[in-house]
Amino acid sequence: MEMIKSQAGIDITHVPYKGDSEMIPALFNNDAQVAVLPSISAIPHIREKRLIALGVTSTARAKALPEVPTLDEAGLKGFKYVGWIGIFAPAATPKPIVDQVQRDMAKALKSKDIQDRLPSWGYEAVGSMPQQFAERFKADLMLNAKVIKDAKIPMRE
């Protein structure tokens, strides 16, 4: 939300919630007026017409919600933030094991069962190589650190 606030030049009050399980009821009760939610949490409520989807943060419309524009299409030109789910292992894990886990995960992501389920949850399988994922992870850490610094969000000790 801080990225949206900054790029759109809007001033709204950030109210932190511990997660979707607190944020969604706050939206239902009008305690919060807008939120950025993961697709898997929002889609059931959008389909039940309990929430209105204003836009998706990716550069392409979500397959699960093709009627919902991207934020770029909705007027926030150039906005892009694509979340991800990653698999992590302890740093000392031997490379052959990491490589085997990656191959097994990539194979599982290509299975018919997963290919049938992920789009309805608002996700797309990628199955990147460990080095590609590490680069993406580092880039997102840097991006989020900048957002936190620019928004003057205090760090907890």
Protein backbone atom coordinates (compact mmCIF):
# COMPACT_ATOMS: atom_id res chain seq x y z
CA MET A 1 0.00 0.00 0.00
CA GLU A 2 2.91 2.33 0.69
CA MET A 3 4.06 1.89 -2.93
CA ILE A 4 0.59 2.80 -4.17
CA LYS A 5 0.39 5.80 -1.82
CA SER A 6 3.74 7.08 -2.99
CA GLN A 7 3.20 6.62 -6.71
CA ALA A 8 -0.38 7.93 -6.65
CA GLY A 9 0.54 10.89 -4.45
CA ILE A 10 -2.27 10.14 -2.00
CA ASP A 11 -2.23 10.61 1.74
CA ILE A 12 -4.12 7.91 3.58
CA THR A 13 -3.62 6.63 7.09
CA HIS A 14 -1.96 3.26 7.33
CA VAL A 15 -3.57 0.98 9.91
CA PRO A 16 -1.45 -2.11 10.49
CA TYR A 17 -3.19 -5.47 10.83
CA LYS A 18 -1.50 -8.72 11.78
CA GLY A 19 -2.75 -10.37 8.62
CA ASP A 20 -5.62 -11.02 6.26
CA SER A 21 -7.68 -12.68 9.00
CA GLU A 22 -7.90 -9.29 10.76
CA MET A 23 -7.85 -7.04 7.69
CA ILE A 24 -10.76 -8.63 5.81
CA PRO A 25 -13.26 -8.25 8.70
CA ALA A 26 -12.07 -4.64 9.08
CA LEU A 27 -13.04 -4.06 5.44
CA PHE A 28 -16.42 -5.76 5.95
CA ASN A 29 -17.09 -3.58 9.01
CA ASN A 30 -15.87 -0.40 7.26
CA ASP A 31 -13.12 -0.02 9.86
CA ALA A 32 -10.74 0.08 6.87
CA GLN A 33 -11.69 1.44 3.47
CA VAL A 34 -8.94 -0.05 1.29
CA ALA A 35 -6.38 -2.83 1.56
CA VAL A 36 -3.88 -4.73 -0.54
CA LEU A 37 -4.62 -8.43 -0.18
CA PRO A 38 -3.19 -11.62 -1.64
CA SER A 39 -5.41 -13.04 -4.37
CA ILE A 40 -6.07 -16.27 -2.53
CA SER A 41 -7.56 -14.32 0.41
CA ALA A 42 -9.54 -11.83 -1.66
CA ILE A 43 -10.98 -13.92 -4.51
CA PRO A 44 -13.68 -15.77 -2.50
CA HIS A 45 -14.94 -12.46 -1.05
CA ILE A 46 -14.86 -10.76 -4.45
CA ARG A 47 -16.87 -13.62 -5.99
CA GLU A 48 -19.36 -13.42 -3.10
CA LYS A 49 -19.62 -9.65 -3.75
CA ARG A 50 -18.44 -8.86 -0.21
CA LEU A 51 -15.38 -6.99 -1.53
CA ILE A 52 -14.85 -4.93 -4.68
CA ALA A 53 -11.57 -5.43 -6.53
CA LEU A 54 -10.20 -2.05 -7.62
CA GLY A 55 -7.15 -3.39 -9.44
CA VAL A 56 -4.36 -5.93 -9.47
CA THR A 57 -0.74 -4.93 -8.92
CA SER A 58 0.74 -7.08 -11.70
CA THR A 59 1.36 -5.91 -15.26
CA ALA A 60 -1.24 -8.33 -16.62
CA ARG A 61 -4.78 -8.99 -15.50
CA ALA A 62 -5.21 -11.94 -13.17
CA LYS A 63 -6.54 -15.07 -14.90
CA ALA A 64 -8.86 -15.61 -11.93
CA LEU A 65 -10.26 -12.06 -12.19
CA PRO A 66 -10.06 -11.07 -15.86
CA GLU A 67 -12.63 -8.30 -15.39
CA VAL A 68 -10.41 -6.49 -12.84
CA PRO A 69 -7.98 -4.01 -14.41
CA THR A 70 -4.32 -3.71 -13.54
CA LEU A 71 -3.52 -0.59 -11.53
CA ASP A 72 -1.70 0.67 -14.62
CA GLU A 73 -4.90 0.29 -16.67
CA ALA A 74 -6.88 1.93 -13.86
CA GLY A 75 -4.71 5.06 -14.11
CA LEU A 76 -1.68 4.43 -11.91
CA LYS A 77 0.67 4.37 -14.88
CA GLY A 78 3.71 2.13 -14.61
CA PHE A 79 2.70 0.54 -11.31
CA LYS A 80 3.92 -3.02 -10.89
CA TYR A 81 4.38 -5.22 -7.88
CA VAL A 82 4.16 -8.97 -8.25
CA GLY A 83 4.22 -11.02 -5.09
CA TRP A 84 5.54 -14.54 -4.90
CA ILE A 85 5.70 -17.62 -2.75
CA GLY A 86 9.13 -19.18 -2.34
CA ILE A 87 10.65 -22.30 -0.89
CA PHE A 88 13.62 -21.77 1.46
CA ALA A 89 16.17 -24.13 3.02
CA PRO A 90 18.88 -23.62 5.64
CA ALA A 91 21.94 -21.80 4.23
CA ALA A 92 24.18 -24.84 4.80
CA THR A 93 22.03 -27.13 2.63
CA PRO A 94 24.29 -28.86 0.08
CA LYS A 95 23.81 -27.67 -3.51
CA PRO A 96 22.84 -31.14 -4.84
CA ILE A 97 19.96 -31.23 -2.36
CA VAL A 98 18.85 -27.68 -3.25
CA ASP A 99 18.96 -28.61 -6.93
CA GLN A 100 16.94 -31.78 -6.33
CA VAL A 101 14.30 -29.89 -4.34
CA GLN A 102 14.07 -27.32 -7.16
CA ARG A 103 13.63 -30.05 -9.80
CA ASP A 104 10.98 -31.79 -7.70
CA MET A 105 9.12 -28.52 -7.08
CA ALA A 106 9.28 -27.57 -10.77
CA LYS A 107 7.88 -30.99 -11.67
CA ALA A 108 5.09 -30.66 -9.09
CA LEU A 109 4.22 -27.17 -10.37
CA LYS A 110 3.76 -28.64 -13.87
CA SER A 111 1.37 -31.35 -12.65
CA LYS A 112 -2.22 -31.17 -13.91
CA ASP A 113 -3.58 -30.88 -10.38
CA ILE A 114 -1.48 -27.82 -9.58
CA GLN A 115 -1.96 -26.29 -13.04
CA ASP A 116 -5.73 -26.63 -12.57
CA ARG A 117 -5.76 -25.15 -9.05
CA LEU A 118 -3.28 -22.26 -9.08
CA PRO A 119 -5.12 -19.93 -11.48
CA SER A 120 -8.34 -20.15 -9.46
CA TRP A 121 -6.34 -19.04 -6.43
CA GLY A 122 -4.85 -16.13 -8.37
CA TYR A 123 -1.40 -17.67 -8.74
CA GLU A 124 0.83 -18.67 -11.62
CA ALA A 125 3.51 -21.35 -11.37
CA VAL A 126 7.05 -20.20 -12.14
CA GLY A 127 9.47 -22.78 -10.73
CA SER A 128 12.58 -20.64 -11.19
CA MET A 129 16.11 -21.86 -10.60
CA PRO A 130 17.63 -21.15 -7.15
CA GLN A 131 19.95 -18.42 -8.49
CA GLN A 132 17.07 -16.65 -10.29
CA PHE A 133 14.94 -16.79 -7.16
CA ALA A 134 17.83 -15.51 -5.01
CA GLU A 135 18.23 -12.53 -7.36
CA ARG A 136 14.49 -11.80 -7.26
CA PHE A 137 14.47 -12.10 -3.47
CA LYS A 138 17.41 -9.67 -3.11
CA ALA A 139 15.84 -7.18 -5.54
CA ASP A 140 12.54 -7.26 -3.63
CA LEU A 141 14.37 -6.82 -0.31
CA MET A 142 16.04 -3.70 -1.71
CA LEU A 143 12.75 -2.38 -3.12
CA ASN A 144 10.91 -2.94 0.16
CA ALA A 145 13.76 -1.40 2.17
CA LYS A 146 13.47 1.73 0.02
CA VAL A 147 9.70 1.85 0.46
CA ILE A 148 10.10 1.50 4.23
CA LYS A 149 12.76 4.23 4.34
CA ASP A 150 10.83 6.62 2.08
CA ALA A 151 7.63 6.11 4.09
CA LYS A 152 9.56 6.62 7.33
CA ILE A 153 8.21 3.40 8.78
CA PRO A 154 9.91 2.83 12.14
CA MET A 155 11.81 -0.41 12.57
CA ARG A 156 11.12 -2.56 15.61
CA GLU A 157 14.05 -3.71 17.69
